[in-house]
Amino acid sequence: MHDIEVATTGILKGSADVDSAVVAGVFESELKVRTHLDIAASGHVRGQISYRSITVATGGKITGTVSEIES
């Protein structure tokens, strides 16, 4: 299983293809999440994003090309 977590002060730029992701900092580029993407209130995900399910806390941001992975 491959998971990523970007801490509140973290910045991750690049491509990732993971099972799950928690973003409290900044993720920028291409992100494919096969199960669940969790964006915290302090999180910002931008770029080309695909996910199976998602939670965006109040204050969290997601910008770019966003698509759902079909079950």
N, C-alpha and C. Protein backbone atom coordinates (compact mmCIF):
# COMPACT_ATOMS: atom_id res chain seq x y z
N MET A 1 0.85 -1.17 0.00
CA MET A 1 0.00 0.00 0.00
C MET A 1 0.90 1.24 0.00
N HIS A 2 0.57 2.20 -0.81
CA HIS A 2 1.31 3.45 -0.89
C HIS A 2 0.41 4.60 -0.50
N ASP A 3 0.83 5.33 0.51
CA ASP A 3 0.07 6.47 1.00
C ASP A 3 1.01 7.67 1.08
N ILE A 4 0.45 8.87 0.99
CA ILE A 4 1.25 10.06 1.23
C ILE A 4 0.51 10.96 2.22
N GLU A 5 1.30 11.72 2.96
CA GLU A 5 0.76 12.72 3.87
C GLU A 5 1.64 13.95 3.76
N VAL A 6 1.01 15.08 3.45
CA VAL A 6 1.71 16.34 3.36
C VAL A 6 1.33 17.15 4.59
N ALA A 7 2.32 17.40 5.46
CA ALA A 7 2.09 18.12 6.71
C ALA A 7 1.72 19.58 6.45
N THR A 8 1.22 20.23 7.47
CA THR A 8 0.75 21.61 7.36
C THR A 8 1.77 22.54 6.73
N THR A 9 3.03 22.40 7.07
CA THR A 9 4.08 23.28 6.52
C THR A 9 4.74 22.68 5.28
N GLY A 10 4.28 21.51 4.84
CA GLY A 10 4.90 20.82 3.72
C GLY A 10 4.42 21.29 2.36
N ILE A 11 5.33 21.17 1.38
CA ILE A 11 5.01 21.45 -0.01
C ILE A 11 5.55 20.30 -0.83
N LEU A 12 4.70 19.67 -1.63
CA LEU A 12 5.12 18.56 -2.48
C LEU A 12 4.75 18.89 -3.91
N LYS A 13 5.76 18.94 -4.78
CA LYS A 13 5.54 19.20 -6.20
C LYS A 13 6.02 17.97 -6.97
N GLY A 14 5.14 17.46 -7.83
CA GLY A 14 5.50 16.28 -8.60
C GLY A 14 4.29 15.40 -8.81
N SER A 15 4.51 14.24 -9.38
CA SER A 15 3.43 13.31 -9.67
C SER A 15 3.39 12.21 -8.61
N ALA A 16 2.17 11.81 -8.25
CA ALA A 16 2.01 10.72 -7.30
C ALA A 16 0.81 9.88 -7.70
N ASP A 17 0.97 8.57 -7.62
CA ASP A 17 -0.09 7.61 -7.86
C ASP A 17 -0.13 6.75 -6.60
N VAL A 18 -1.12 7.00 -5.73
CA VAL A 18 -1.13 6.40 -4.40
C VAL A 18 -2.48 5.78 -4.07
N ASP A 19 -2.49 4.98 -3.00
CA ASP A 19 -3.74 4.41 -2.52
C ASP A 19 -4.57 5.45 -1.78
N SER A 20 -3.93 6.22 -0.89
CA SER A 20 -4.65 7.26 -0.16
C SER A 20 -3.71 8.44 0.09
N ALA A 21 -4.32 9.61 0.34
CA ALA A 21 -3.53 10.81 0.56
C ALA A 21 -4.23 11.72 1.56
N VAL A 22 -3.42 12.33 2.42
CA VAL A 22 -3.89 13.35 3.36
C VAL A 22 -3.03 14.58 3.07
N VAL A 23 -3.67 15.69 2.76
CA VAL A 23 -2.94 16.91 2.43
C VAL A 23 -3.36 18.01 3.39
N ALA A 24 -2.40 18.43 4.24
CA ALA A 24 -2.64 19.55 5.15
C ALA A 24 -1.80 20.75 4.71
N GLY A 25 -0.83 20.51 3.83
CA GLY A 25 0.01 21.57 3.28
C GLY A 25 -0.37 21.82 1.83
N VAL A 26 0.63 21.80 0.93
CA VAL A 26 0.39 22.07 -0.49
C VAL A 26 0.89 20.90 -1.33
N PHE A 27 0.03 20.41 -2.22
CA PHE A 27 0.43 19.43 -3.23
C PHE A 27 0.18 20.07 -4.58
N GLU A 28 1.18 20.02 -5.46
CA GLU A 28 1.04 20.65 -6.77
C GLU A 28 1.58 19.74 -7.86
N SER A 29 0.78 19.47 -8.85
CA SER A 29 1.11 18.75 -10.07
C SER A 29 0.04 17.71 -10.35
N GLU A 30 0.42 16.44 -10.46
CA GLU A 30 -0.53 15.38 -10.82
C GLU A 30 -0.67 14.41 -9.66
N LEU A 31 -1.92 14.20 -9.22
CA LEU A 31 -2.19 13.32 -8.09
C LEU A 31 -3.33 12.37 -8.44
N LYS A 32 -3.03 11.07 -8.38
CA LYS A 32 -4.05 10.04 -8.57
C LYS A 32 -4.16 9.27 -7.26
N VAL A 33 -5.38 9.27 -6.68
CA VAL A 33 -5.61 8.61 -5.41
C VAL A 33 -6.65 7.51 -5.64
N ARG A 34 -6.22 6.26 -5.50
CA ARG A 34 -7.08 5.12 -5.83
C ARG A 34 -8.21 4.89 -4.83
N THR A 35 -8.05 5.35 -3.59
CA THR A 35 -9.14 5.19 -2.62
C THR A 35 -9.62 6.55 -2.13
N HIS A 36 -9.00 7.11 -1.07
CA HIS A 36 -9.56 8.33 -0.47
C HIS A 36 -8.54 9.46 -0.39
N LEU A 37 -8.99 10.64 -0.81
CA LEU A 37 -8.20 11.87 -0.71
C LEU A 37 -8.83 12.74 0.38
N ASP A 38 -8.02 13.11 1.37
CA ASP A 38 -8.48 13.94 2.48
C ASP A 38 -7.70 15.25 2.46
N ILE A 39 -8.42 16.36 2.25
CA ILE A 39 -7.79 17.67 2.23
C ILE A 39 -8.21 18.40 3.50
N ALA A 40 -7.21 18.71 4.33
CA ALA A 40 -7.46 19.38 5.61
C ALA A 40 -7.80 20.85 5.38
N ALA A 41 -8.23 21.54 6.44
CA ALA A 41 -8.59 22.95 6.35
C ALA A 41 -7.44 23.81 5.86
N SER A 42 -6.22 23.41 6.16
CA SER A 42 -5.03 24.17 5.74
C SER A 42 -4.46 23.66 4.42
N GLY A 43 -5.08 22.63 3.84
CA GLY A 43 -4.55 21.99 2.63
C GLY A 43 -4.95 22.67 1.34
N HIS A 44 -4.06 22.56 0.34
CA HIS A 44 -4.36 23.08 -1.00
C HIS A 44 -3.77 22.10 -2.00
N VAL A 45 -4.63 21.52 -2.82
CA VAL A 45 -4.21 20.60 -3.87
C VAL A 45 -4.51 21.28 -5.19
N ARG A 46 -3.48 21.39 -6.06
CA ARG A 46 -3.72 22.02 -7.36
C ARG A 46 -2.97 21.25 -8.44
N GLY A 47 -3.63 21.19 -9.60
CA GLY A 47 -3.06 20.46 -10.72
C GLY A 47 -4.08 19.54 -11.34
N GLN A 48 -3.63 18.36 -11.72
CA GLN A 48 -4.51 17.34 -12.31
C GLN A 48 -4.76 16.30 -11.23
N ILE A 49 -6.00 16.24 -10.73
CA ILE A 49 -6.33 15.42 -9.59
C ILE A 49 -7.42 14.41 -9.96
N SER A 50 -7.20 13.15 -9.60
CA SER A 50 -8.24 12.14 -9.74
C SER A 50 -8.30 11.34 -8.44
N TYR A 51 -9.50 10.92 -8.08
CA TYR A 51 -9.72 10.27 -6.79
C TYR A 51 -10.95 9.37 -6.86
N ARG A 52 -11.05 8.43 -5.94
CA ARG A 52 -12.25 7.60 -5.84
C ARG A 52 -13.25 8.25 -4.88
N SER A 53 -12.78 8.72 -3.71
CA SER A 53 -13.63 9.48 -2.79
C SER A 53 -12.80 10.61 -2.21
N ILE A 54 -13.48 11.65 -1.72
CA ILE A 54 -12.77 12.85 -1.27
C ILE A 54 -13.50 13.49 -0.10
N THR A 55 -12.70 14.06 0.80
CA THR A 55 -13.21 14.90 1.88
C THR A 55 -12.40 16.18 1.84
N VAL A 56 -13.10 17.32 1.80
CA VAL A 56 -12.43 18.62 1.84
C VAL A 56 -12.98 19.37 3.04
N ALA A 57 -12.11 19.61 4.01
CA ALA A 57 -12.52 20.34 5.21
C ALA A 57 -12.80 21.80 4.86
N THR A 58 -13.60 22.45 5.66
CA THR A 58 -13.87 23.87 5.47
C THR A 58 -12.54 24.62 5.49
N GLY A 59 -12.29 25.38 4.44
CA GLY A 59 -11.03 26.11 4.30
C GLY A 59 -10.05 25.43 3.36
N GLY A 60 -10.21 24.12 3.15
CA GLY A 60 -9.36 23.39 2.22
C GLY A 60 -9.65 23.80 0.79
N LYS A 61 -8.64 23.69 -0.08
CA LYS A 61 -8.82 24.13 -1.47
C LYS A 61 -8.38 23.04 -2.44
N ILE A 62 -9.08 22.98 -3.56
CA ILE A 62 -8.72 22.07 -4.65
C ILE A 62 -8.96 22.84 -5.94
N THR A 63 -7.92 22.97 -6.76
CA THR A 63 -8.03 23.71 -8.02
C THR A 63 -7.32 22.94 -9.13
N GLY A 64 -7.82 23.10 -10.33
CA GLY A 64 -7.21 22.44 -11.48
C GLY A 64 -8.23 21.55 -12.17
N THR A 65 -7.74 20.49 -12.79
CA THR A 65 -8.58 19.50 -13.45
C THR A 65 -8.85 18.39 -12.44
N VAL A 66 -10.12 18.22 -12.11
CA VAL A 66 -10.51 17.28 -11.06
C VAL A 66 -11.47 16.26 -11.65
N SER A 67 -11.19 14.97 -11.38
CA SER A 67 -12.08 13.92 -11.88
C SER A 67 -12.19 12.79 -10.86
N GLU A 68 -13.34 12.15 -10.90
CA GLU A 68 -13.60 11.00 -10.02
C GLU A 68 -13.23 9.73 -10.76
N ILE A 69 -12.57 8.81 -10.04
CA ILE A 69 -12.26 7.49 -10.60
C ILE A 69 -13.51 6.63 -10.38
N GLU A 70 -14.03 6.07 -11.44
CA GLU A 70 -15.22 5.23 -11.35
C GLU A 70 -14.91 3.94 -10.61
N SER A 71 -15.88 3.48 -9.82
CA SER A 71 -15.72 2.22 -9.04
C SER A 71 -15.73 1.02 -9.94
